[in-house]
Amino acid sequence: MATNQTGIAIVIKAFLPTGKTLDETYAALTVVKTAHETGDYAPLLSIAKIDEVKTEQKTRRVEEAVTPLAERDPDFDEIEGVETAEEVLAQDENGTDDVADAEDIPAFLKSKKSAKAA
């Protein structure tokens, strides 16, 4: 189930100079990699040159985690009248399903092949 969540979207445009030497470039890339891995972008933003900050109010559609019925109800497997997909498929293959007889199905719902056969 999804719900709408209102918030503020923040877009930051910044520039991080990598320097001219290999050591300066490695240090800059290490800061970027560490920020991505930890999710803490404060050190990265403190050494970067901020060009532009844009904010706007937005609404997002957020998916809520749905708990499977088996986890909510410990007796889920013992509910009567509920068939598993395997049972339904086995019934269809054996021809023992509880579908109404062909005479009970209106002609407009029958496929052309079954209508000719009847």
N, C-alpha and C. Protein backbone atom coordinates (compact mmCIF):
# COMPACT_ATOMS: atom_id res chain seq x y z
N MET A 1 0.84 -1.17 0.00
CA MET A 1 0.00 0.00 0.00
C MET A 1 0.89 1.23 0.00
N ALA A 2 0.53 2.20 -0.80
CA ALA A 2 1.34 3.41 -0.91
C ALA A 2 0.59 4.60 -0.33
N THR A 3 1.35 5.50 0.25
CA THR A 3 0.78 6.72 0.78
C THR A 3 1.56 7.90 0.23
N ASN A 4 0.94 9.06 0.28
CA ASN A 4 1.62 10.28 -0.15
C ASN A 4 2.30 10.92 1.04
N GLN A 5 3.51 11.41 0.81
CA GLN A 5 4.28 12.05 1.87
C GLN A 5 4.75 13.41 1.35
N THR A 6 4.43 14.46 2.07
CA THR A 6 4.82 15.81 1.67
C THR A 6 6.13 16.17 2.34
N GLY A 7 7.01 16.84 1.59
CA GLY A 7 8.31 17.23 2.14
C GLY A 7 8.97 18.28 1.27
N ILE A 8 10.21 18.53 1.55
CA ILE A 8 10.99 19.51 0.79
C ILE A 8 12.10 18.79 0.05
N ALA A 9 12.13 18.95 -1.26
CA ALA A 9 13.19 18.38 -2.08
C ALA A 9 14.34 19.37 -2.12
N ILE A 10 15.54 18.88 -1.87
CA ILE A 10 16.73 19.74 -1.84
C ILE A 10 17.69 19.27 -2.93
N VAL A 11 18.06 20.18 -3.81
CA VAL A 11 19.02 19.89 -4.87
C VAL A 11 20.22 20.80 -4.65
N ILE A 12 21.40 20.19 -4.49
CA ILE A 12 22.61 20.96 -4.25
C ILE A 12 23.56 20.74 -5.42
N LYS A 13 23.94 21.83 -6.04
CA LYS A 13 24.95 21.75 -7.09
C LYS A 13 26.24 22.27 -6.49
N ALA A 14 27.27 21.43 -6.55
CA ALA A 14 28.56 21.80 -5.95
C ALA A 14 29.68 21.30 -6.84
N PHE A 15 30.86 21.83 -6.60
CA PHE A 15 32.05 21.43 -7.37
C PHE A 15 33.16 21.11 -6.39
N LEU A 16 33.76 19.95 -6.58
CA LEU A 16 34.88 19.53 -5.75
C LEU A 16 36.11 19.43 -6.64
N PRO A 17 37.03 20.36 -6.50
CA PRO A 17 38.24 20.28 -7.33
C PRO A 17 39.07 19.07 -6.92
N THR A 18 39.60 18.38 -7.91
CA THR A 18 40.39 17.18 -7.62
C THR A 18 41.87 17.48 -7.52
N GLY A 19 42.27 18.66 -7.88
CA GLY A 19 43.69 19.01 -7.77
C GLY A 19 44.46 18.58 -9.00
N LYS A 20 45.77 18.90 -8.97
CA LYS A 20 46.62 18.60 -10.13
C LYS A 20 47.46 17.36 -9.93
N THR A 21 47.68 16.99 -8.70
CA THR A 21 48.53 15.82 -8.46
C THR A 21 47.67 14.58 -8.23
N LEU A 22 48.30 13.45 -8.33
CA LEU A 22 47.61 12.18 -8.13
C LEU A 22 47.14 12.04 -6.68
N ASP A 23 47.94 12.53 -5.73
CA ASP A 23 47.55 12.46 -4.32
C ASP A 23 46.32 13.31 -4.02
N GLU A 24 46.24 14.51 -4.60
CA GLU A 24 45.08 15.38 -4.39
C GLU A 24 43.82 14.75 -5.00
N THR A 25 43.97 14.16 -6.17
CA THR A 25 42.84 13.50 -6.83
C THR A 25 42.37 12.30 -6.01
N TYR A 26 43.31 11.52 -5.51
CA TYR A 26 42.97 10.35 -4.70
C TYR A 26 42.25 10.77 -3.41
N ALA A 27 42.70 11.85 -2.79
CA ALA A 27 42.06 12.33 -1.56
C ALA A 27 40.62 12.78 -1.83
N ALA A 28 40.41 13.48 -2.94
CA ALA A 28 39.06 13.95 -3.29
C ALA A 28 38.14 12.76 -3.58
N LEU A 29 38.63 11.79 -4.32
CA LEU A 29 37.82 10.62 -4.65
C LEU A 29 37.53 9.78 -3.41
N THR A 30 38.45 9.73 -2.49
CA THR A 30 38.24 8.99 -1.24
C THR A 30 37.12 9.64 -0.42
N VAL A 31 37.10 10.96 -0.36
CA VAL A 31 36.04 11.66 0.37
C VAL A 31 34.68 11.36 -0.27
N VAL A 32 34.62 11.38 -1.59
CA VAL A 32 33.37 11.10 -2.30
C VAL A 32 32.93 9.66 -2.06
N LYS A 33 33.85 8.72 -2.16
CA LYS A 33 33.52 7.31 -1.95
C LYS A 33 33.03 7.07 -0.52
N THR A 34 33.70 7.66 0.45
CA THR A 34 33.31 7.50 1.85
C THR A 34 31.91 8.09 2.08
N ALA A 35 31.62 9.22 1.47
CA ALA A 35 30.30 9.85 1.63
C ALA A 35 29.21 8.94 1.06
N HIS A 36 29.46 8.34 -0.09
CA HIS A 36 28.47 7.43 -0.68
C HIS A 36 28.28 6.18 0.18
N GLU A 37 29.34 5.64 0.69
CA GLU A 37 29.25 4.41 1.49
C GLU A 37 28.55 4.63 2.82
N THR A 38 28.85 5.76 3.49
CA THR A 38 28.30 6.00 4.82
C THR A 38 26.98 6.75 4.79
N GLY A 39 26.72 7.47 3.71
CA GLY A 39 25.52 8.29 3.64
C GLY A 39 25.68 9.62 4.37
N ASP A 40 26.87 9.90 4.88
CA ASP A 40 27.15 11.17 5.58
C ASP A 40 27.87 12.09 4.59
N TYR A 41 27.13 13.04 4.05
CA TYR A 41 27.70 13.93 3.03
C TYR A 41 28.23 15.24 3.61
N ALA A 42 28.17 15.43 4.91
CA ALA A 42 28.65 16.67 5.53
C ALA A 42 30.12 16.93 5.25
N PRO A 43 31.02 15.94 5.42
CA PRO A 43 32.44 16.22 5.11
C PRO A 43 32.66 16.57 3.64
N LEU A 44 31.92 15.92 2.76
CA LEU A 44 32.05 16.20 1.32
C LEU A 44 31.59 17.62 1.02
N LEU A 45 30.44 18.00 1.56
CA LEU A 45 29.91 19.34 1.30
C LEU A 45 30.75 20.43 1.95
N SER A 46 31.44 20.10 3.04
CA SER A 46 32.26 21.12 3.70
C SER A 46 33.49 21.48 2.88
N ILE A 47 34.01 20.56 2.07
CA ILE A 47 35.19 20.87 1.26
C ILE A 47 34.84 21.24 -0.17
N ALA A 48 33.59 21.02 -0.58
CA ALA A 48 33.18 21.35 -1.94
C ALA A 48 32.75 22.82 -2.01
N LYS A 49 32.82 23.37 -3.22
CA LYS A 49 32.36 24.74 -3.45
C LYS A 49 30.90 24.64 -3.89
N ILE A 50 29.99 25.20 -3.07
CA ILE A 50 28.56 25.14 -3.35
C ILE A 50 28.23 26.19 -4.41
N ASP A 51 27.69 25.75 -5.54
CA ASP A 51 27.31 26.66 -6.61
C ASP A 51 25.86 27.12 -6.47
N GLU A 52 24.97 26.18 -6.15
CA GLU A 52 23.55 26.51 -6.12
C GLU A 52 22.81 25.54 -5.21
N VAL A 53 21.84 26.05 -4.48
CA VAL A 53 20.97 25.22 -3.66
C VAL A 53 19.54 25.55 -4.07
N LYS A 54 18.79 24.53 -4.45
CA LYS A 54 17.41 24.73 -4.88
C LYS A 54 16.51 23.87 -4.00
N THR A 55 15.47 24.49 -3.47
CA THR A 55 14.51 23.75 -2.65
C THR A 55 13.11 23.98 -3.19
N GLU A 56 12.28 22.94 -3.10
CA GLU A 56 10.89 23.09 -3.48
C GLU A 56 10.06 22.04 -2.76
N GLN A 57 8.81 22.39 -2.50
CA GLN A 57 7.93 21.46 -1.82
C GLN A 57 7.45 20.41 -2.81
N LYS A 58 7.51 19.16 -2.38
CA LYS A 58 7.10 18.06 -3.25
C LYS A 58 6.28 17.06 -2.46
N THR A 59 5.53 16.28 -3.19
CA THR A 59 4.80 15.17 -2.61
C THR A 59 5.30 13.90 -3.28
N ARG A 60 5.68 12.94 -2.44
CA ARG A 60 6.18 11.65 -2.96
C ARG A 60 5.19 10.57 -2.63
N ARG A 61 5.18 9.56 -3.45
CA ARG A 61 4.40 8.37 -3.19
C ARG A 61 5.34 7.36 -2.54
N VAL A 62 5.06 7.00 -1.29
CA VAL A 62 5.95 6.14 -0.52
C VAL A 62 5.27 4.78 -0.34
N GLU A 63 5.99 3.73 -0.69
CA GLU A 63 5.48 2.37 -0.51
C GLU A 63 5.67 1.96 0.94
N GLU A 64 4.59 1.49 1.55
CA GLU A 64 4.68 0.97 2.91
C GLU A 64 4.96 -0.51 2.84
N ALA A 65 5.76 -0.98 3.76
CA ALA A 65 6.06 -2.41 3.81
C ALA A 65 4.80 -3.16 4.23
N VAL A 66 4.43 -4.14 3.41
CA VAL A 66 3.26 -4.94 3.70
C VAL A 66 3.71 -6.25 4.32
N THR A 67 3.15 -6.57 5.47
CA THR A 67 3.50 -7.81 6.16
C THR A 67 2.70 -8.95 5.54
N PRO A 68 3.36 -10.01 5.09
CA PRO A 68 2.64 -11.13 4.52
C PRO A 68 1.67 -11.72 5.55
N LEU A 69 0.57 -12.28 5.05
CA LEU A 69 -0.46 -12.83 5.92
C LEU A 69 0.09 -13.94 6.79
N ALA A 70 1.04 -14.70 6.27
CA ALA A 70 1.62 -15.80 7.04
C ALA A 70 2.32 -15.29 8.29
N GLU A 71 2.89 -14.09 8.24
CA GLU A 71 3.56 -13.52 9.41
C GLU A 71 2.57 -12.90 10.37
N ARG A 72 1.45 -12.37 9.85
CA ARG A 72 0.45 -11.74 10.71
C ARG A 72 -0.41 -12.77 11.43
N ASP A 73 -0.70 -13.89 10.76
CA ASP A 73 -1.60 -14.90 11.32
C ASP A 73 -0.88 -16.23 11.39
N PRO A 74 -0.55 -16.70 12.59
CA PRO A 74 0.19 -17.96 12.70
C PRO A 74 -0.62 -19.16 12.19
N ASP A 75 -1.95 -19.04 12.12
CA ASP A 75 -2.79 -20.13 11.64
C ASP A 75 -3.11 -19.99 10.15
N PHE A 76 -2.31 -19.22 9.43
CA PHE A 76 -2.59 -18.94 8.02
C PHE A 76 -2.70 -20.21 7.19
N ASP A 77 -1.82 -21.17 7.41
CA ASP A 77 -1.84 -22.40 6.61
C ASP A 77 -3.06 -23.26 6.91
N GLU A 78 -3.73 -22.99 8.02
CA GLU A 78 -4.84 -23.83 8.44
C GLU A 78 -6.20 -23.21 8.14
N ILE A 79 -6.23 -22.13 7.37
CA ILE A 79 -7.49 -21.49 7.04
C ILE A 79 -8.24 -22.39 6.07
N GLU A 80 -9.48 -22.71 6.40
CA GLU A 80 -10.26 -23.60 5.56
C GLU A 80 -10.83 -22.84 4.36
N GLY A 81 -10.95 -23.54 3.26
CA GLY A 81 -11.54 -22.94 2.07
C GLY A 81 -10.54 -22.20 1.20
N VAL A 82 -9.31 -22.06 1.66
CA VAL A 82 -8.29 -21.39 0.87
C VAL A 82 -7.38 -22.45 0.27
N GLU A 83 -7.31 -22.44 -1.06
CA GLU A 83 -6.49 -23.42 -1.75
C GLU A 83 -5.19 -22.78 -2.20
N THR A 84 -4.16 -23.57 -2.21
CA THR A 84 -2.89 -23.07 -2.71
C THR A 84 -2.92 -23.10 -4.24
N ALA A 85 -2.00 -22.39 -4.85
CA ALA A 85 -1.94 -22.37 -6.31
C ALA A 85 -1.69 -23.76 -6.86
N GLU A 86 -0.89 -24.56 -6.16
CA GLU A 86 -0.61 -25.92 -6.61
C GLU A 86 -1.88 -26.77 -6.63
N GLU A 87 -2.73 -26.60 -5.61
CA GLU A 87 -3.97 -27.37 -5.56
C GLU A 87 -4.90 -26.98 -6.71
N VAL A 88 -4.98 -25.67 -6.99
CA VAL A 88 -5.84 -25.21 -8.07
C VAL A 88 -5.34 -25.74 -9.40
N LEU A 89 -4.03 -25.69 -9.63
CA LEU A 89 -3.48 -26.20 -10.88
C LEU A 89 -3.69 -27.70 -11.02
N ALA A 90 -3.55 -28.42 -9.92
CA ALA A 90 -3.76 -29.87 -9.96
C ALA A 90 -5.21 -30.18 -10.30
N GLN A 91 -6.14 -29.40 -9.76
CA GLN A 91 -7.54 -29.62 -10.06
C GLN A 91 -7.82 -29.34 -11.53
N ASP A 92 -7.24 -28.28 -12.07
CA ASP A 92 -7.45 -27.96 -13.47
C ASP A 92 -6.91 -29.06 -14.37
N GLU A 93 -5.74 -29.60 -14.03
CA GLU A 93 -5.15 -30.66 -14.85
C GLU A 93 -5.96 -31.94 -14.79
N ASN A 94 -6.54 -32.23 -13.63
CA ASN A 94 -7.32 -33.45 -13.46
C ASN A 94 -8.75 -33.29 -13.93
N GLY A 95 -9.15 -32.07 -14.23
CA GLY A 95 -10.52 -31.83 -14.68
C GLY A 95 -11.53 -31.91 -13.56
N THR A 96 -11.10 -31.76 -12.33
CA THR A 96 -12.03 -31.86 -11.20
C THR A 96 -12.29 -30.51 -10.56
N ASP A 97 -12.18 -29.45 -11.34
CA ASP A 97 -12.41 -28.15 -10.74
C ASP A 97 -13.91 -27.90 -10.57
N ASP A 98 -14.22 -26.86 -9.81
CA ASP A 98 -15.61 -26.57 -9.49
C ASP A 98 -16.22 -25.55 -10.45
N VAL A 99 -15.73 -25.48 -11.66
CA VAL A 99 -16.25 -24.53 -12.64
C VAL A 99 -17.62 -25.02 -13.09
N ALA A 100 -18.52 -24.08 -13.35
CA ALA A 100 -19.87 -24.45 -13.78
C ALA A 100 -19.82 -25.24 -15.08
N ASP A 101 -20.82 -26.05 -15.30
CA ASP A 101 -20.91 -26.84 -16.53
C ASP A 101 -20.99 -25.92 -17.72
N ALA A 102 -20.59 -26.42 -18.88
CA ALA A 102 -20.58 -25.62 -20.09
C ALA A 102 -21.97 -25.12 -20.44
N GLU A 103 -23.02 -25.85 -20.07
CA GLU A 103 -24.39 -25.42 -20.37
C GLU A 103 -24.77 -24.19 -19.56
N ASP A 104 -24.15 -24.01 -18.39
CA ASP A 104 -24.49 -22.89 -17.52
C ASP A 104 -23.82 -21.59 -17.94
N ILE A 105 -22.85 -21.66 -18.83
CA ILE A 105 -22.10 -20.48 -19.25
C ILE A 105 -22.82 -19.86 -20.44
N PRO A 106 -23.13 -18.56 -20.39
CA PRO A 106 -23.79 -17.91 -21.52
C PRO A 106 -22.92 -17.98 -22.77
N ALA A 107 -23.56 -18.00 -23.93
CA ALA A 107 -22.85 -18.18 -25.20
C ALA A 107 -21.84 -17.06 -25.46
N PHE A 108 -22.19 -15.83 -25.05
CA PHE A 108 -21.27 -14.72 -25.34
C PHE A 108 -19.98 -14.80 -24.53
N LEU A 109 -19.97 -15.60 -23.43
CA LEU A 109 -18.77 -15.75 -22.63
C LEU A 109 -17.91 -16.92 -23.08
N LYS A 110 -18.45 -17.80 -23.87
CA LYS A 110 -17.69 -18.96 -24.33
C LYS A 110 -16.74 -18.54 -25.44
N SER A 111 -15.60 -19.22 -25.51
CA SER A 111 -14.69 -18.94 -26.61
C SER A 111 -15.28 -19.55 -27.86
N LYS A 112 -14.79 -19.11 -29.00
CA LYS A 112 -15.33 -19.60 -30.28
C LYS A 112 -15.12 -21.11 -30.42
N LYS A 113 -13.99 -21.61 -29.94
CA LYS A 113 -13.70 -23.03 -30.05
C LYS A 113 -14.68 -23.85 -29.22
N SER A 114 -14.93 -23.43 -27.96
CA SER A 114 -15.83 -24.20 -27.11
C SER A 114 -17.27 -24.05 -27.55
N ALA A 115 -17.63 -22.92 -28.19
CA ALA A 115 -18.99 -22.72 -28.66
C ALA A 115 -19.29 -23.66 -29.84
N LYS A 116 -18.28 -23.87 -30.71
CA LYS A 116 -18.47 -24.77 -31.85
C LYS A 116 -18.56 -26.21 -31.39
N ALA A 117 -17.81 -26.56 -30.33
CA ALA A 117 -17.79 -27.92 -29.83
C ALA A 117 -19.11 -28.27 -29.15
N ALA A 118 -19.82 -27.28 -28.60
CA ALA A 118 -21.04 -27.54 -27.86
C ALA A 118 -22.26 -27.64 -28.71
